[in-house]
C-alpha atoms as a PDB file:
ATOM      1  CA  MET A   1       0.000   0.000   0.000  1.00  0.00           C
ATOM      2  CA  PHE A   2       2.757   2.430   0.873  1.00  0.00           C
ATOM      3  CA  ASN A   3       4.411   1.685  -2.457  1.00  0.00           C
ATOM      4  CA  ASN A   4       1.329   2.912  -4.337  1.00  0.00           C
ATOM      5  CA  GLN A   5       1.143   6.010  -2.169  1.00  0.00           C
ATOM      6  CA  ARG A   6       4.794   6.731  -2.904  1.00  0.00           C
ATOM      7  CA  LYS A   7       4.219   6.336  -6.646  1.00  0.00           C
ATOM      8  CA  THR A   8       1.223   8.679  -6.490  1.00  0.00           C
ATOM      9  CA  MET A   9       3.180  11.275  -4.544  1.00  0.00           C
ATOM     10  CA  LEU A  10       6.038  11.076  -7.038  1.00  0.00           C
ATOM     11  CA  LEU A  11       3.676  11.378  -9.992  1.00  0.00           C
ATOM     12  CA  LEU A  12       1.794  14.376  -8.602  1.00  0.00           C
ATOM     13  CA  GLY A  13       5.000  15.983  -7.368  1.00  0.00           C
ATOM     14  CA  GLY A  14       6.638  15.492 -10.749  1.00  0.00           C
ATOM     15  CA  LEU A  15       3.668  16.918 -12.624  1.00  0.00           C
ATOM     16  CA  SER A  16       3.571  19.891 -10.259  1.00  0.00           C
ATOM     17  CA  ALA A  17       7.292  20.496 -10.690  1.00  0.00           C
ATOM     18  CA  LEU A  18       6.923  20.257 -14.467  1.00  0.00           C
ATOM     19  CA  LEU A  19       4.064  22.762 -14.419  1.00  0.00           C
ATOM     20  CA  VAL A  20       6.046  25.197 -12.268  1.00  0.00           C
ATOM     21  CA  LEU A  21       9.141  24.723 -14.478  1.00  0.00           C
ATOM     22  CA  ILE A  22       7.144  25.460 -17.623  1.00  0.00           C
ATOM     23  CA  GLY A  23       5.749  28.533 -15.886  1.00  0.00           C
ATOM     24  CA  ALA A  24       9.237  29.696 -14.956  1.00  0.00           C
ATOM     25  CA  LEU A  25      10.424  29.280 -18.541  1.00  0.00           C
ATOM     26  CA  VAL A  26       7.392  30.844 -20.194  1.00  0.00           C
ATOM     27  CA  SER A  27       6.737  33.745 -17.858  1.00  0.00           C
ATOM     28  CA  PRO A  28       9.009  34.145 -14.815  1.00  0.00           C
ATOM     29  CA  GLY A  29       6.980  37.157 -13.653  1.00  0.00           C
ATOM     30  CA  ALA A  30       3.801  35.105 -13.432  1.00  0.00           C
ATOM     31  CA  LEU A  31       5.311  32.126 -11.652  1.00  0.00           C
ATOM     32  CA  TYR A  32       2.801  32.468  -8.810  1.00  0.00           C
ATOM     33  CA  ILE A  33       0.000  31.623 -11.268  1.00  0.00           C
ATOM     34  CA  PHE A  34       1.664  28.332 -12.177  1.00  0.00           C
ATOM     35  CA  VAL A  35       2.316  27.526  -8.522  1.00  0.00           C
ATOM     36  CA  ALA A  36      -1.364  28.207  -7.790  1.00  0.00           C
ATOM     37  CA  LEU A  37      -2.359  25.953 -10.711  1.00  0.00           C
ATOM     38  CA  ALA A  38      -0.131  23.179  -9.345  1.00  0.00           C
ATOM     39  CA  VAL A  39      -1.685  23.533  -5.886  1.00  0.00           C
ATOM     40  CA  LEU A  40      -5.211  23.485  -7.356  1.00  0.00           C
ATOM     41  CA  MET A  41      -4.320  20.454  -9.466  1.00  0.00           C
ATOM     42  CA  ASN A  42      -3.091  18.575  -6.387  1.00  0.00           C
ATOM     43  CA  LEU A  43      -6.082  19.551  -4.266  1.00  0.00           C
ATOM     44  CA  GLY A  44      -8.455  18.572  -7.044  1.00  0.00           C
ATOM     45  CA  SER A  45      -6.802  15.208  -7.539  1.00  0.00           C
ATOM     46  CA  TYR A  46      -6.765  14.574  -3.766  1.00  0.00           C
ATOM     47  CA  PHE A  47     -10.402  15.407  -3.112  1.00  0.00           C
ATOM     48  CA  PHE A  48     -12.072  14.484  -6.408  1.00  0.00           C
ATOM     49  CA  SER A  49     -10.000  11.691  -7.972  1.00  0.00           C
ATOM     50  CA  ASP A  50     -12.607   9.038  -7.191  1.00  0.00           C
ATOM     51  CA  LYS A  51     -15.425  11.086  -8.722  1.00  0.00           C
ATOM     52  CA  ILE A  52     -13.301  11.913 -11.780  1.00  0.00           C
ATOM     53  CA  VAL A  53     -12.489   8.249 -12.437  1.00  0.00           C
ATOM     54  CA  LEU A  54     -16.122   7.200 -12.050  1.00  0.00           C
ATOM     55  CA  ALA A  55     -17.301   9.978 -14.389  1.00  0.00           C
ATOM     56  CA  VAL A  56     -14.683   9.201 -17.040  1.00  0.00           C
ATOM     57  CA  ASN A  57     -15.735   5.550 -17.035  1.00  0.00           C
ATOM     58  CA  HIS A  58     -19.464   6.413 -17.090  1.00  0.00           C
ATOM     59  CA  ALA A  59     -19.976   4.408 -13.902  1.00  0.00           C
ATOM     60  CA  HIS A  60     -23.343   4.421 -12.187  1.00  0.00           C
ATOM     61  CA  PRO A  61     -24.942   2.525  -9.315  1.00  0.00           C
ATOM     62  CA  ILE A  62     -26.949  -0.571 -10.111  1.00  0.00           C
ATOM     63  CA  SER A  63     -29.487  -2.545  -8.128  1.00  0.00           C
ATOM     64  CA  GLU A  64     -29.426  -6.218  -7.367  1.00  0.00           C
ATOM     65  CA  GLN A  65     -32.376  -6.706  -9.727  1.00  0.00           C
ATOM     66  CA  GLN A  66     -30.319  -5.316 -12.630  1.00  0.00           C
ATOM     67  CA  ASP A  67     -27.376  -7.705 -12.179  1.00  0.00           C
ATOM     68  CA  PRO A  68     -28.013 -10.451  -9.609  1.00  0.00           C
ATOM     69  CA  GLN A  69     -24.996 -12.479 -10.740  1.00  0.00           C
ATOM     70  CA  LEU A  70     -22.616  -9.601  -9.968  1.00  0.00           C
ATOM     71  CA  PHE A  71     -24.165  -9.062  -6.533  1.00  0.00           C
ATOM     72  CA  ARG A  72     -23.983 -12.796  -5.776  1.00  0.00           C
ATOM     73  CA  MET A  73     -20.303 -12.882  -6.782  1.00  0.00           C
ATOM     74  CA  VAL A  74     -19.422  -9.842  -4.651  1.00  0.00           C
ATOM     75  CA  ARG A  75     -21.387 -11.215  -1.695  1.00  0.00           C
ATOM     76  CA  GLU A  76     -19.588 -14.587  -1.926  1.00  0.00           C
ATOM     77  CA  LEU A  77     -16.161 -12.951  -2.168  1.00  0.00           C
ATOM     78  CA  SER A  78     -16.834 -10.587   0.731  1.00  0.00           C
ATOM     79  CA  ASP A  79     -18.169 -13.418   2.887  1.00  0.00           C
ATOM     80  CA  ARG A  80     -15.141 -15.566   2.074  1.00  0.00           C
ATOM     81  CA  GLU A  81     -12.737 -12.749   2.995  1.00  0.00           C
ATOM     82  CA  GLY A  82     -14.787 -11.621   5.981  1.00  0.00           C
ATOM     83  CA  ILE A  83     -15.202  -8.023   4.837  1.00  0.00           C
ATOM     84  CA  SER A  84     -18.218  -5.769   4.507  1.00  0.00           C
ATOM     85  CA  TRP A  85     -19.042  -4.751   0.967  1.00  0.00           C
ATOM     86  CA  PHE A  86     -21.391  -1.910   1.818  1.00  0.00           C
ATOM     87  CA  SER A  87     -19.559   0.480   4.094  1.00  0.00           C
ATOM     88  CA  THR A  88     -16.789   0.528   6.639  1.00  0.00           C
ATOM     89  CA  HIS A  89     -19.118   2.407   9.006  1.00  0.00           C
ATOM     90  CA  PRO A  90     -22.173   0.904  10.660  1.00  0.00           C
ATOM     91  CA  PRO A  91     -25.556   2.407   9.748  1.00  0.00           C
ATOM     92  CA  ILE A  92     -26.543   5.571  11.590  1.00  0.00           C
ATOM     93  CA  ALA A  93     -29.292   3.800  13.535  1.00  0.00           C
ATOM     94  CA  GLU A  94     -26.749   1.279  14.811  1.00  0.00           C
ATOM     95  CA  ARG A  95     -24.316   4.060  15.779  1.00  0.00           C
ATOM     96  CA  VAL A  96     -27.047   5.899  17.697  1.00  0.00           C
ATOM     97  CA  LYS A  97     -28.005   2.666  19.466  1.00  0.00           C
ATOM     98  CA  ARG A  98     -24.350   2.060  20.449  1.00  0.00           C
ATOM     99  CA  LEU A  99     -24.027   5.638  21.672  1.00  0.00           C
ATOM    100  CA  ARG A 100     -27.119   5.306  23.852  1.00  0.00           C
ATOM    101  CA  GLU A 101     -25.846   1.999  25.253  1.00  0.00           C
ATOM    102  CA  MET A 102     -22.478   3.579  26.040  1.00  0.00           C
ATOM    103  CA  ARG A 103     -24.144   6.510  27.792  1.00  0.00           C
ATOM    104  CA  ALA A 104     -26.235   4.069  29.803  1.00  0.00           C
ATOM    105  CA  THR A 105     -23.106   2.218  30.922  1.00  0.00           C
ATOM    106  CA  GLN A 106     -21.278   5.486  31.734  1.00  0.00           C
ATOM    107  CA  ALA A 107     -18.574   5.048  29.081  1.00  0.00           C
ATOM    108  CA  PRO A 108     -16.055   7.889  28.888  1.00  0.00           C
ATOM    109  CA  PRO A 109     -17.118  10.688  26.485  1.00  0.00           C
ATOM    110  CA  SER A 110     -13.960  10.319  24.354  1.00  0.00           C
ATOM    111  CA  ARG A 111     -14.912   6.720  23.602  1.00  0.00           C
ATOM    112  CA  ALA A 112     -18.483   7.714  22.797  1.00  0.00           C
ATOM    113  CA  ARG A 113     -17.287  10.118  20.107  1.00  0.00           C
ATOM    114  CA  LEU A 114     -15.658   7.256  18.206  1.00  0.00           C
ATOM    115  CA  PHE A 115     -19.034   5.760  17.339  1.00  0.00           C
ATOM    116  CA  VAL A 116     -20.668   9.008  16.260  1.00  0.00           C
ATOM    117  CA  ALA A 117     -17.998  10.125  13.780  1.00  0.00           C
END
């Protein structure tokens, strides 16, 4: 996992450096514009990369009725590996229930915040 993060950092850092270098060569007086573009590019790729990839590939949610075989395959794989395939967070109703149970048992407030976030 860290190897992929390192590659991503190198790629974005290299593209940013290239953009700033081109800006320095083209217009040294307007270098701040190219630095700002590099910062915006990095922020955009950090916060919106998942949405960009899904949009480029025309991805959209489907229901189990539309492709039951795909859902069955994902369910079998997730059961075999022991992972949840919906969300890493429990549903809100379950979190509220846990929070109420913790308050009833006088759990420390710092621990209670873990289930609400």
